[in-house]
Amino acid sequence: SLEPEYKQRFKQIAVNMFGHKTLLK
């Protein structure tokens, strides 16, 4: 089951996929 914290999940997409936060380390 997936925890229904969709706001946080979309934030992860924004930060790590579109923002490249981890890649930019």
PDB file of all heavy atoms in Angstrom:
ATOM      1  N   SER A   1       0.843  -1.194   0.000  1.00  0.00           N
ATOM      2  CA  SER A   1       0.000   0.000   0.000  1.00  0.00           C
ATOM      3  C   SER A   1       0.879   1.244   0.000  1.00  0.00           C
ATOM      4  O   SER A   1       1.984   1.252   0.549  1.00  0.00           O
ATOM      5  CB  SER A   1      -0.917   0.001   1.226  1.00  0.00           C
ATOM      6  OG  SER A   1      -0.158  -0.040   2.417  1.00  0.00           O
ATOM      7  N   LEU A   2       0.382   2.285  -0.620  1.00  0.00           N
ATOM      8  CA  LEU A   2       1.114   3.542  -0.755  1.00  0.00           C
ATOM      9  C   LEU A   2       0.506   4.567   0.194  1.00  0.00           C
ATOM     10  O   LEU A   2      -0.705   4.783   0.199  1.00  0.00           O
ATOM     11  CB  LEU A   2       1.012   4.038  -2.198  1.00  0.00           C
ATOM     12  CG  LEU A   2       1.995   5.106  -2.661  1.00  0.00           C
ATOM     13  CD1 LEU A   2       3.396   4.535  -2.736  1.00  0.00           C
ATOM     14  CD2 LEU A   2       1.574   5.638  -4.030  1.00  0.00           C
ATOM     15  N   GLU A   3       1.366   5.175   1.022  1.00  0.00           N
ATOM     16  CA  GLU A   3       0.847   6.210   1.910  1.00  0.00           C
ATOM     17  C   GLU A   3       0.302   7.368   1.066  1.00  0.00           C
ATOM     18  O   GLU A   3       0.984   7.869   0.187  1.00  0.00           O
ATOM     19  CB  GLU A   3       1.952   6.754   2.835  1.00  0.00           C
ATOM     20  CG  GLU A   3       2.713   5.681   3.590  1.00  0.00           C
ATOM     21  CD  GLU A   3       4.068   5.416   2.963  1.00  0.00           C
ATOM     22  OE1 GLU A   3       4.108   5.199   1.720  1.00  0.00           O
ATOM     23  OE2 GLU A   3       5.059   5.438   3.681  1.00  0.00           O
ATOM     24  N   PRO A   4      -0.949   7.755   1.309  1.00  0.00           N
ATOM     25  CA  PRO A   4      -1.593   8.761   0.436  1.00  0.00           C
ATOM     26  C   PRO A   4      -1.169  10.192   0.738  1.00  0.00           C
ATOM     27  O   PRO A   4      -2.000  11.078   0.898  1.00  0.00           O
ATOM     28  CB  PRO A   4      -3.080   8.532   0.725  1.00  0.00           C
ATOM     29  CG  PRO A   4      -3.113   8.091   2.149  1.00  0.00           C
ATOM     30  CD  PRO A   4      -1.863   7.274   2.361  1.00  0.00           C
ATOM     31  N   GLU A   5       0.128  10.411   0.811  1.00  0.00           N
ATOM     32  CA  GLU A   5       0.647  11.761   1.047  1.00  0.00           C
ATOM     33  C   GLU A   5       1.014  12.374  -0.300  1.00  0.00           C
ATOM     34  O   GLU A   5       2.181  12.607  -0.614  1.00  0.00           O
ATOM     35  CB  GLU A   5       1.866  11.702   1.969  1.00  0.00           C
ATOM     36  CG  GLU A   5       1.607  11.092   3.332  1.00  0.00           C
ATOM     37  CD  GLU A   5       0.749  12.000   4.212  1.00  0.00           C
ATOM     38  OE1 GLU A   5       0.709  13.211   3.939  1.00  0.00           O
ATOM     39  OE2 GLU A   5       0.125  11.482   5.150  1.00  0.00           O
ATOM     40  N   TYR A   6      -0.025  12.654  -1.101  1.00  0.00           N
ATOM     41  CA  TYR A   6       0.219  13.026  -2.486  1.00  0.00           C
ATOM     42  C   TYR A   6       0.892  14.392  -2.626  1.00  0.00           C
ATOM     43  O   TYR A   6       1.677  14.606  -3.548  1.00  0.00           O
ATOM     44  CB  TYR A   6      -1.091  12.984  -3.277  1.00  0.00           C
ATOM     45  CG  TYR A   6      -1.667  11.595  -3.353  1.00  0.00           C
ATOM     46  CD1 TYR A   6      -2.882  11.285  -2.764  1.00  0.00           C
ATOM     47  CD2 TYR A   6      -0.957  10.582  -3.996  1.00  0.00           C
ATOM     48  CE1 TYR A   6      -3.395   9.993  -2.816  1.00  0.00           C
ATOM     49  CE2 TYR A   6      -1.454   9.287  -4.052  1.00  0.00           C
ATOM     50  CZ  TYR A   6      -2.673   8.996  -3.463  1.00  0.00           C
ATOM     51  OH  TYR A   6      -3.157   7.717  -3.506  1.00  0.00           O
ATOM     52  N   LYS A   7       0.619  15.300  -1.708  1.00  0.00           N
ATOM     53  CA  LYS A   7       1.262  16.610  -1.769  1.00  0.00           C
ATOM     54  C   LYS A   7       2.772  16.462  -1.633  1.00  0.00           C
ATOM     55  O   LYS A   7       3.547  17.066  -2.384  1.00  0.00           O
ATOM     56  CB  LYS A   7       0.708  17.502  -0.656  1.00  0.00           C
ATOM     57  CG  LYS A   7       1.275  18.914  -0.679  1.00  0.00           C
ATOM     58  CD  LYS A   7       0.656  19.776   0.414  1.00  0.00           C
ATOM     59  CE  LYS A   7       1.232  21.188   0.396  1.00  0.00           C
ATOM     60  NZ  LYS A   7       0.647  22.031   1.461  1.00  0.00           N
ATOM     61  N   GLN A   8       3.190  15.628  -0.683  1.00  0.00           N
ATOM     62  CA  GLN A   8       4.618  15.407  -0.478  1.00  0.00           C
ATOM     63  C   GLN A   8       5.232  14.664  -1.655  1.00  0.00           C
ATOM     64  O   GLN A   8       6.366  14.928  -2.053  1.00  0.00           O
ATOM     65  CB  GLN A   8       4.842  14.628   0.814  1.00  0.00           C
ATOM     66  CG  GLN A   8       6.311  14.512   1.212  1.00  0.00           C
ATOM     67  CD  GLN A   8       6.497  13.857   2.567  1.00  0.00           C
ATOM     68  OE1 GLN A   8       5.540  13.687   3.328  1.00  0.00           O
ATOM     69  NE2 GLN A   8       7.722  13.462   2.867  1.00  0.00           N
ATOM     70  N   ARG A   9       4.460  13.747  -2.229  1.00  0.00           N
ATOM     71  CA  ARG A   9       4.984  12.969  -3.357  1.00  0.00           C
ATOM     72  C   ARG A   9       5.181  13.854  -4.591  1.00  0.00           C
ATOM     73  O   ARG A   9       6.184  13.741  -5.302  1.00  0.00           O
ATOM     74  CB  ARG A   9       4.045  11.805  -3.669  1.00  0.00           C
ATOM     75  CG  ARG A   9       3.993  10.789  -2.542  1.00  0.00           C
ATOM     76  CD  ARG A   9       3.204   9.542  -2.911  1.00  0.00           C
ATOM     77  NE  ARG A   9       3.170   8.625  -1.774  1.00  0.00           N
ATOM     78  CZ  ARG A   9       4.182   7.853  -1.397  1.00  0.00           C
ATOM     79  NH1 ARG A   9       5.307   7.884  -2.092  1.00  0.00           N
ATOM     80  NH2 ARG A   9       4.070   7.056  -0.356  1.00  0.00           N
ATOM     81  N   PHE A  10       4.231  14.734  -4.859  1.00  0.00           N
ATOM     82  CA  PHE A  10       4.389  15.641  -5.998  1.00  0.00           C
ATOM     83  C   PHE A  10       5.523  16.638  -5.744  1.00  0.00           C
ATOM     84  O   PHE A  10       6.204  17.069  -6.677  1.00  0.00           O
ATOM     85  CB  PHE A  10       3.075  16.376  -6.283  1.00  0.00           C
ATOM     86  CG  PHE A  10       2.068  15.524  -7.021  1.00  0.00           C
ATOM     87  CD1 PHE A  10       0.867  15.169  -6.423  1.00  0.00           C
ATOM     88  CD2 PHE A  10       2.331  15.057  -8.299  1.00  0.00           C
ATOM     89  CE1 PHE A  10      -0.058  14.381  -7.097  1.00  0.00           C
ATOM     90  CE2 PHE A  10       1.417  14.258  -8.982  1.00  0.00           C
ATOM     91  CZ  PHE A  10       0.214  13.920  -8.379  1.00  0.00           C
ATOM     92  N   LYS A  11       5.731  16.975  -4.478  1.00  0.00           N
ATOM     93  CA  LYS A  11       6.851  17.852  -4.137  1.00  0.00           C
ATOM     94  C   LYS A  11       8.171  17.154  -4.453  1.00  0.00           C
ATOM     95  O   LYS A  11       9.117  17.779  -4.951  1.00  0.00           O
ATOM     96  CB  LYS A  11       6.785  18.228  -2.662  1.00  0.00           C
ATOM     97  CG  LYS A  11       7.893  19.184  -2.233  1.00  0.00           C
ATOM     98  CD  LYS A  11       7.810  19.532  -0.759  1.00  0.00           C
ATOM     99  CE  LYS A  11       8.936  20.446  -0.336  1.00  0.00           C
ATOM    100  NZ  LYS A  11       8.882  20.765   1.115  1.00  0.00           N
ATOM    101  N   GLN A  12       8.239  15.843  -4.160  1.00  0.00           N
ATOM    102  CA  GLN A  12       9.448  15.079  -4.479  1.00  0.00           C
ATOM    103  C   GLN A  12       9.716  15.082  -5.974  1.00  0.00           C
ATOM    104  O   GLN A  12      10.863  15.198  -6.413  1.00  0.00           O
ATOM    105  CB  GLN A  12       9.298  13.634  -3.983  1.00  0.00           C
ATOM    106  CG  GLN A  12       9.377  13.496  -2.483  1.00  0.00           C
ATOM    107  CD  GLN A  12       9.273  12.052  -2.020  1.00  0.00           C
ATOM    108  OE1 GLN A  12       9.640  11.727  -0.905  1.00  0.00           O
ATOM    109  NE2 GLN A  12       8.764  11.168  -2.857  1.00  0.00           N
ATOM    110  N   ILE A  13       8.653  14.953  -6.755  1.00  0.00           N
ATOM    111  CA  ILE A  13       8.802  14.992  -8.211  1.00  0.00           C
ATOM    112  C   ILE A  13       9.355  16.353  -8.636  1.00  0.00           C
ATOM    113  O   ILE A  13      10.286  16.446  -9.445  1.00  0.00           O
ATOM    114  CB  ILE A  13       7.445  14.734  -8.903  1.00  0.00           C
ATOM    115  CG1 ILE A  13       7.011  13.268  -8.726  1.00  0.00           C
ATOM    116  CG2 ILE A  13       7.510  15.104 -10.379  1.00  0.00           C
ATOM    117  CD1 ILE A  13       7.763  12.282  -9.575  1.00  0.00           C
ATOM    118  N   ALA A  14       8.773  17.411  -8.072  1.00  0.00           N
ATOM    119  CA  ALA A  14       9.198  18.768  -8.434  1.00  0.00           C
ATOM    120  C   ALA A  14      10.656  19.012  -8.060  1.00  0.00           C
ATOM    121  O   ALA A  14      11.430  19.562  -8.850  1.00  0.00           O
ATOM    122  CB  ALA A  14       8.295  19.788  -7.745  1.00  0.00           C
ATOM    123  N   VAL A  15      11.040  18.591  -6.859  1.00  0.00           N
ATOM    124  CA  VAL A  15      12.380  18.873  -6.349  1.00  0.00           C
ATOM    125  C   VAL A  15      13.437  18.000  -7.004  1.00  0.00           C
ATOM    126  O   VAL A  15      14.485  18.491  -7.441  1.00  0.00           O
ATOM    127  CB  VAL A  15      12.417  18.697  -4.816  1.00  0.00           C
ATOM    128  CG1 VAL A  15      13.847  18.742  -4.300  1.00  0.00           C
ATOM    129  CG2 VAL A  15      11.581  19.770  -4.132  1.00  0.00           C
ATOM    130  N   ASN A  16      13.178  16.693  -7.075  1.00  0.00           N
ATOM    131  CA  ASN A  16      14.220  15.757  -7.529  1.00  0.00           C
ATOM    132  C   ASN A  16      14.214  15.492  -9.025  1.00  0.00           C
ATOM    133  O   ASN A  16      15.261  15.193  -9.601  1.00  0.00           O
ATOM    134  CB  ASN A  16      14.101  14.435  -6.772  1.00  0.00           C
ATOM    135  CG  ASN A  16      14.563  14.558  -5.338  1.00  0.00           C
ATOM    136  OD1 ASN A  16      15.629  15.085  -5.072  1.00  0.00           O
ATOM    137  ND2 ASN A  16      13.754  14.105  -4.402  1.00  0.00           N
ATOM    138  N   MET A  17      13.025  15.571  -9.674  1.00  0.00           N
ATOM    139  CA  MET A  17      13.008  15.331 -11.109  1.00  0.00           C
ATOM    140  C   MET A  17      13.157  16.643 -11.877  1.00  0.00           C
ATOM    141  O   MET A  17      14.088  16.816 -12.651  1.00  0.00           O
ATOM    142  CB  MET A  17      11.721  14.615 -11.525  1.00  0.00           C
ATOM    143  CG  MET A  17      11.784  14.092 -12.957  1.00  0.00           C
ATOM    144  SD  MET A  17      10.348  13.116 -13.409  1.00  0.00           S
ATOM    145  CE  MET A  17       9.175  14.388 -13.803  1.00  0.00           C
ATOM    146  N   PHE A  18      12.261  17.590 -11.628  1.00  0.00           N
ATOM    147  CA  PHE A  18      12.324  18.854 -12.362  1.00  0.00           C
ATOM    148  C   PHE A  18      13.405  19.786 -11.809  1.00  0.00           C
ATOM    149  O   PHE A  18      13.976  20.586 -12.545  1.00  0.00           O
ATOM    150  CB  PHE A  18      10.959  19.544 -12.333  1.00  0.00           C
ATOM    151  CG  PHE A  18       9.907  18.806 -13.117  1.00  0.00           C
ATOM    152  CD1 PHE A  18       8.907  18.100 -12.472  1.00  0.00           C
ATOM    153  CD2 PHE A  18       9.935  18.790 -14.496  1.00  0.00           C
ATOM    154  CE1 PHE A  18       7.942  17.403 -13.186  1.00  0.00           C
ATOM    155  CE2 PHE A  18       8.984  18.094 -15.231  1.00  0.00           C
ATOM    156  CZ  PHE A  18       7.987  17.400 -14.573  1.00  0.00           C
ATOM    157  N   GLY A  19      13.677  19.680 -10.499  1.00  0.00           N
ATOM    158  CA  GLY A  19      14.701  20.533  -9.900  1.00  0.00           C
ATOM    159  C   GLY A  19      16.089  19.920  -9.862  1.00  0.00           C
ATOM    160  O   GLY A  19      17.069  20.604  -9.588  1.00  0.00           O
ATOM    161  N   HIS A  20      16.176  18.610 -10.115  1.00  0.00           N
ATOM    162  CA  HIS A  20      17.477  17.917 -10.154  1.00  0.00           C
ATOM    163  C   HIS A  20      18.284  18.101  -8.870  1.00  0.00           C
ATOM    164  O   HIS A  20      19.519  18.191  -8.904  1.00  0.00           O
ATOM    165  CB  HIS A  20      18.309  18.409 -11.343  1.00  0.00           C
ATOM    166  CG  HIS A  20      17.971  17.741 -12.638  1.00  0.00           C
ATOM    167  ND1 HIS A  20      16.687  17.527 -13.052  1.00  0.00           N
ATOM    168  CD2 HIS A  20      18.760  17.220 -13.627  1.00  0.00           C
ATOM    169  CE1 HIS A  20      16.694  16.932 -14.242  1.00  0.00           C
ATOM    170  NE2 HIS A  20      17.935  16.714 -14.604  1.00  0.00           N
ATOM    171  N   LYS A  21      17.606  18.158  -7.712  1.00  0.00           N
ATOM    172  CA  LYS A  21      18.294  18.445  -6.457  1.00  0.00           C
ATOM    173  C   LYS A  21      19.432  17.470  -6.188  1.00  0.00           C
ATOM    174  O   LYS A  21      20.557  17.877  -5.870  1.00  0.00           O
ATOM    175  CB  LYS A  21      17.287  18.410  -5.296  1.00  0.00           C
ATOM    176  CG  LYS A  21      17.918  18.678  -3.939  1.00  0.00           C
ATOM    177  CD  LYS A  21      16.899  18.586  -2.817  1.00  0.00           C
ATOM    178  CE  LYS A  21      17.564  18.795  -1.467  1.00  0.00           C
ATOM    179  NZ  LYS A  21      16.593  18.679  -0.349  1.00  0.00           N
ATOM    180  N   THR A  22      19.152  16.169  -6.305  1.00  0.00           N
ATOM    181  CA  THR A  22      20.186  15.178  -6.010  1.00  0.00           C
ATOM    182  C   THR A  22      21.272  15.174  -7.075  1.00  0.00           C
ATOM    183  O   THR A  22      22.463  15.100  -6.761  1.00  0.00           O
ATOM    184  CB  THR A  22      19.560  13.778  -5.891  1.00  0.00           C
ATOM    185  OG1 THR A  22      18.513  13.814  -4.912  1.00  0.00           O
ATOM    186  CG2 THR A  22      20.595  12.756  -5.467  1.00  0.00           C
ATOM    187  N   LEU A  23      20.878  15.268  -8.337  1.00  0.00           N
ATOM    188  CA  LEU A  23      21.867  15.273  -9.415  1.00  0.00           C
ATOM    189  C   LEU A  23      22.826  16.448  -9.295  1.00  0.00           C
ATOM    190  O   LEU A  23      24.019  16.326  -9.588  1.00  0.00           O
ATOM    191  CB  LEU A  23      21.152  15.337 -10.769  1.00  0.00           C
ATOM    192  CG  LEU A  23      20.813  14.003 -11.422  1.00  0.00           C
ATOM    193  CD1 LEU A  23      19.841  14.206 -12.574  1.00  0.00           C
ATOM    194  CD2 LEU A  23      22.060  13.284 -11.905  1.00  0.00           C
ATOM    195  N   LEU A  24      22.326  17.580  -8.836  1.00  0.00           N
ATOM    196  CA  LEU A  24      23.160  18.783  -8.759  1.00  0.00           C
ATOM    197  C   LEU A  24      24.131  18.766  -7.596  1.00  0.00           C
ATOM    198  O   LEU A  24      24.899  19.715  -7.417  1.00  0.00           O
ATOM    199  CB  LEU A  24      22.277  20.027  -8.701  1.00  0.00           C
ATOM    200  CG  LEU A  24      21.622  20.398 -10.044  1.00  0.00           C
ATOM    201  CD1 LEU A  24      20.557  21.456  -9.858  1.00  0.00           C
ATOM    202  CD2 LEU A  24      22.673  20.855 -11.050  1.00  0.00           C
ATOM    203  N   LYS A  25      24.120  17.688  -6.791  1.00  0.00           N
ATOM    204  CA  LYS A  25      25.177  17.540  -5.788  1.00  0.00           C
ATOM    205  C   LYS A  25      26.532  17.383  -6.479  1.00  0.00           C
ATOM    206  O   LYS A  25      27.564  17.742  -5.930  1.00  0.00           O
ATOM    207  CB  LYS A  25      24.885  16.340  -4.890  1.00  0.00           C
ATOM    208  CG  LYS A  25      23.724  16.581  -3.928  1.00  0.00           C
ATOM    209  CD  LYS A  25      23.484  15.392  -3.031  1.00  0.00           C
ATOM    210  CE  LYS A  25      22.354  15.689  -2.058  1.00  0.00           C
ATOM    211  NZ  LYS A  25      22.079  14.559  -1.144  1.00  0.00           N
TER     212      LYS A  25
END
